[in-house]
Amino acid sequence: MFSVAHDIGMGSGITGAHVLRRTFATQEYMRGAELKKIASYIGDLESTTSEYYITVKSNIIMGGKVMNVTPFPMKGGGK
């Protein structure tokens, strides 16, 4: 897994397939892919995919600084 992560430029902190699946799912979601298709690609359920594998970051302005935040997934897979 380390060599695959290294080859695609994800760095040396990759220790398992979960990180690769999460990165793939998040990137596909951000590109507009349907949740059902993402779940199919990674071999998981839609509810599990949205709850554990998709991380959407948002920029907020706090105290005059732009901060990148990651909201916690909603129970039941709501996005």
C-alpha atoms as a PDB file:
ATOM      1  CA  MET A   1       0.000   0.000   0.000  1.00  0.00           C
ATOM      2  CA  PHE A   2       2.849   2.397   0.794  1.00  0.00           C
ATOM      3  CA  SER A   3       4.331   2.077  -2.699  1.00  0.00           C
ATOM      4  CA  VAL A   4       0.947   2.746  -4.364  1.00  0.00           C
ATOM      5  CA  ALA A   5       0.379   5.827  -2.196  1.00  0.00           C
ATOM      6  CA  HIS A   6       3.899   7.038  -2.876  1.00  0.00           C
ATOM      7  CA  ASP A   7       3.516   6.527  -6.638  1.00  0.00           C
ATOM      8  CA  ILE A   8       0.349   8.645  -6.771  1.00  0.00           C
ATOM      9  CA  GLY A   9       1.838  11.399  -4.609  1.00  0.00           C
ATOM     10  CA  MET A  10      -0.118  10.849  -1.383  1.00  0.00           C
ATOM     11  CA  GLY A  11       2.956  10.899   0.845  1.00  0.00           C
ATOM     12  CA  SER A  12       4.474   8.471   3.292  1.00  0.00           C
ATOM     13  CA  GLY A  13       1.757   8.566   5.987  1.00  0.00           C
ATOM     14  CA  ILE A  14      -0.428   6.058   4.152  1.00  0.00           C
ATOM     15  CA  THR A  15      -0.798   2.846   6.101  1.00  0.00           C
ATOM     16  CA  GLY A  16      -3.814   1.062   4.653  1.00  0.00           C
ATOM     17  CA  ALA A  17      -6.458   0.720   1.992  1.00  0.00           C
ATOM     18  CA  HIS A  18      -8.956   2.740   4.054  1.00  0.00           C
ATOM     19  CA  VAL A  19      -7.076   5.982   3.364  1.00  0.00           C
ATOM     20  CA  LEU A  20      -6.926   5.264  -0.354  1.00  0.00           C
ATOM     21  CA  ARG A  21     -10.665   4.420  -0.469  1.00  0.00           C
ATOM     22  CA  ARG A  22     -11.529   7.542   1.509  1.00  0.00           C
ATOM     23  CA  THR A  23      -9.432   9.767  -0.739  1.00  0.00           C
ATOM     24  CA  PHE A  24     -10.942   8.254  -3.877  1.00  0.00           C
ATOM     25  CA  ALA A  25     -14.514   8.539  -2.568  1.00  0.00           C
ATOM     26  CA  THR A  26     -14.045  12.152  -1.485  1.00  0.00           C
ATOM     27  CA  GLN A  27     -12.446  13.204  -4.764  1.00  0.00           C
ATOM     28  CA  GLU A  28     -15.176  11.557  -6.822  1.00  0.00           C
ATOM     29  CA  TYR A  29     -17.885  13.172  -4.670  1.00  0.00           C
ATOM     30  CA  MET A  30     -16.276  16.588  -5.092  1.00  0.00           C
ATOM     31  CA  ARG A  31     -16.238  16.022  -8.874  1.00  0.00           C
ATOM     32  CA  GLY A  32     -20.001  15.412  -8.815  1.00  0.00           C
ATOM     33  CA  ALA A  33     -20.190  11.615  -8.933  1.00  0.00           C
ATOM     34  CA  GLU A  34     -23.379  10.068  -7.567  1.00  0.00           C
ATOM     35  CA  LEU A  35     -23.141   8.492  -4.126  1.00  0.00           C
ATOM     36  CA  LYS A  36     -24.568   5.214  -5.453  1.00  0.00           C
ATOM     37  CA  LYS A  37     -21.780   4.956  -8.060  1.00  0.00           C
ATOM     38  CA  ILE A  38     -19.051   5.838  -5.560  1.00  0.00           C
ATOM     39  CA  ALA A  39     -20.323   3.140  -3.192  1.00  0.00           C
ATOM     40  CA  SER A  40     -20.297   0.654  -6.053  1.00  0.00           C
ATOM     41  CA  TYR A  41     -16.730   1.587  -7.039  1.00  0.00           C
ATOM     42  CA  ILE A  42     -15.371   1.034  -3.536  1.00  0.00           C
ATOM     43  CA  GLY A  43     -17.567  -2.003  -2.845  1.00  0.00           C
ATOM     44  CA  ASP A  44     -19.583  -0.582   0.013  1.00  0.00           C
ATOM     45  CA  LEU A  45     -23.111   0.513   0.936  1.00  0.00           C
ATOM     46  CA  GLU A  46     -24.298   4.064   0.183  1.00  0.00           C
ATOM     47  CA  SER A  47     -24.904   4.764   3.887  1.00  0.00           C
ATOM     48  CA  THR A  48     -21.455   3.554   4.913  1.00  0.00           C
ATOM     49  CA  THR A  49     -19.799   5.415   2.051  1.00  0.00           C
ATOM     50  CA  SER A  50     -21.323   8.752   3.005  1.00  0.00           C
ATOM     51  CA  GLU A  51     -20.726   8.225   6.713  1.00  0.00           C
ATOM     52  CA  TYR A  52     -17.144   6.940   6.672  1.00  0.00           C
ATOM     53  CA  TYR A  53     -15.538   7.524   3.293  1.00  0.00           C
ATOM     54  CA  ILE A  54     -16.555  10.987   2.076  1.00  0.00           C
ATOM     55  CA  THR A  55     -14.966  13.997   3.729  1.00  0.00           C
ATOM     56  CA  VAL A  56     -16.064  17.372   2.398  1.00  0.00           C
ATOM     57  CA  LYS A  57     -14.007  20.378   3.367  1.00  0.00           C
ATOM     58  CA  SER A  58     -15.327  23.910   3.471  1.00  0.00           C
ATOM     59  CA  ASN A  59     -13.620  27.255   3.803  1.00  0.00           C
ATOM     60  CA  ILE A  60     -14.901  29.590   6.510  1.00  0.00           C
ATOM     61  CA  ILE A  61     -13.702  33.001   7.583  1.00  0.00           C
ATOM     62  CA  MET A  62     -13.023  33.272  11.290  1.00  0.00           C
ATOM     63  CA  GLY A  63     -11.311  36.264  12.854  1.00  0.00           C
ATOM     64  CA  GLY A  64     -10.301  37.558   9.433  1.00  0.00           C
ATOM     65  CA  LYS A  65      -8.546  34.288   8.499  1.00  0.00           C
ATOM     66  CA  VAL A  66      -9.720  31.723   5.974  1.00  0.00           C
ATOM     67  CA  MET A  67      -9.835  28.321   7.637  1.00  0.00           C
ATOM     68  CA  ASN A  68     -10.351  24.948   5.956  1.00  0.00           C
ATOM     69  CA  VAL A  69     -12.722  22.816   8.033  1.00  0.00           C
ATOM     70  CA  THR A  70     -14.060  19.294   7.746  1.00  0.00           C
ATOM     71  CA  PRO A  71     -17.561  18.821   9.140  1.00  0.00           C
ATOM     72  CA  PHE A  72     -18.421  15.597  10.928  1.00  0.00           C
ATOM     73  CA  PRO A  73     -20.476  13.184   8.826  1.00  0.00           C
ATOM     74  CA  MET A  74     -24.195  13.266   9.557  1.00  0.00           C
ATOM     75  CA  LYS A  75     -25.787  10.196  11.098  1.00  0.00           C
ATOM     76  CA  GLY A  76     -27.671   8.254   8.457  1.00  0.00           C
ATOM     77  CA  GLY A  77     -25.475   9.481   5.621  1.00  0.00           C
ATOM     78  CA  GLY A  78     -27.148  12.830   5.007  1.00  0.00           C
ATOM     79  CA  LYS A  79     -25.071  15.202   2.926  1.00  0.00           C
END
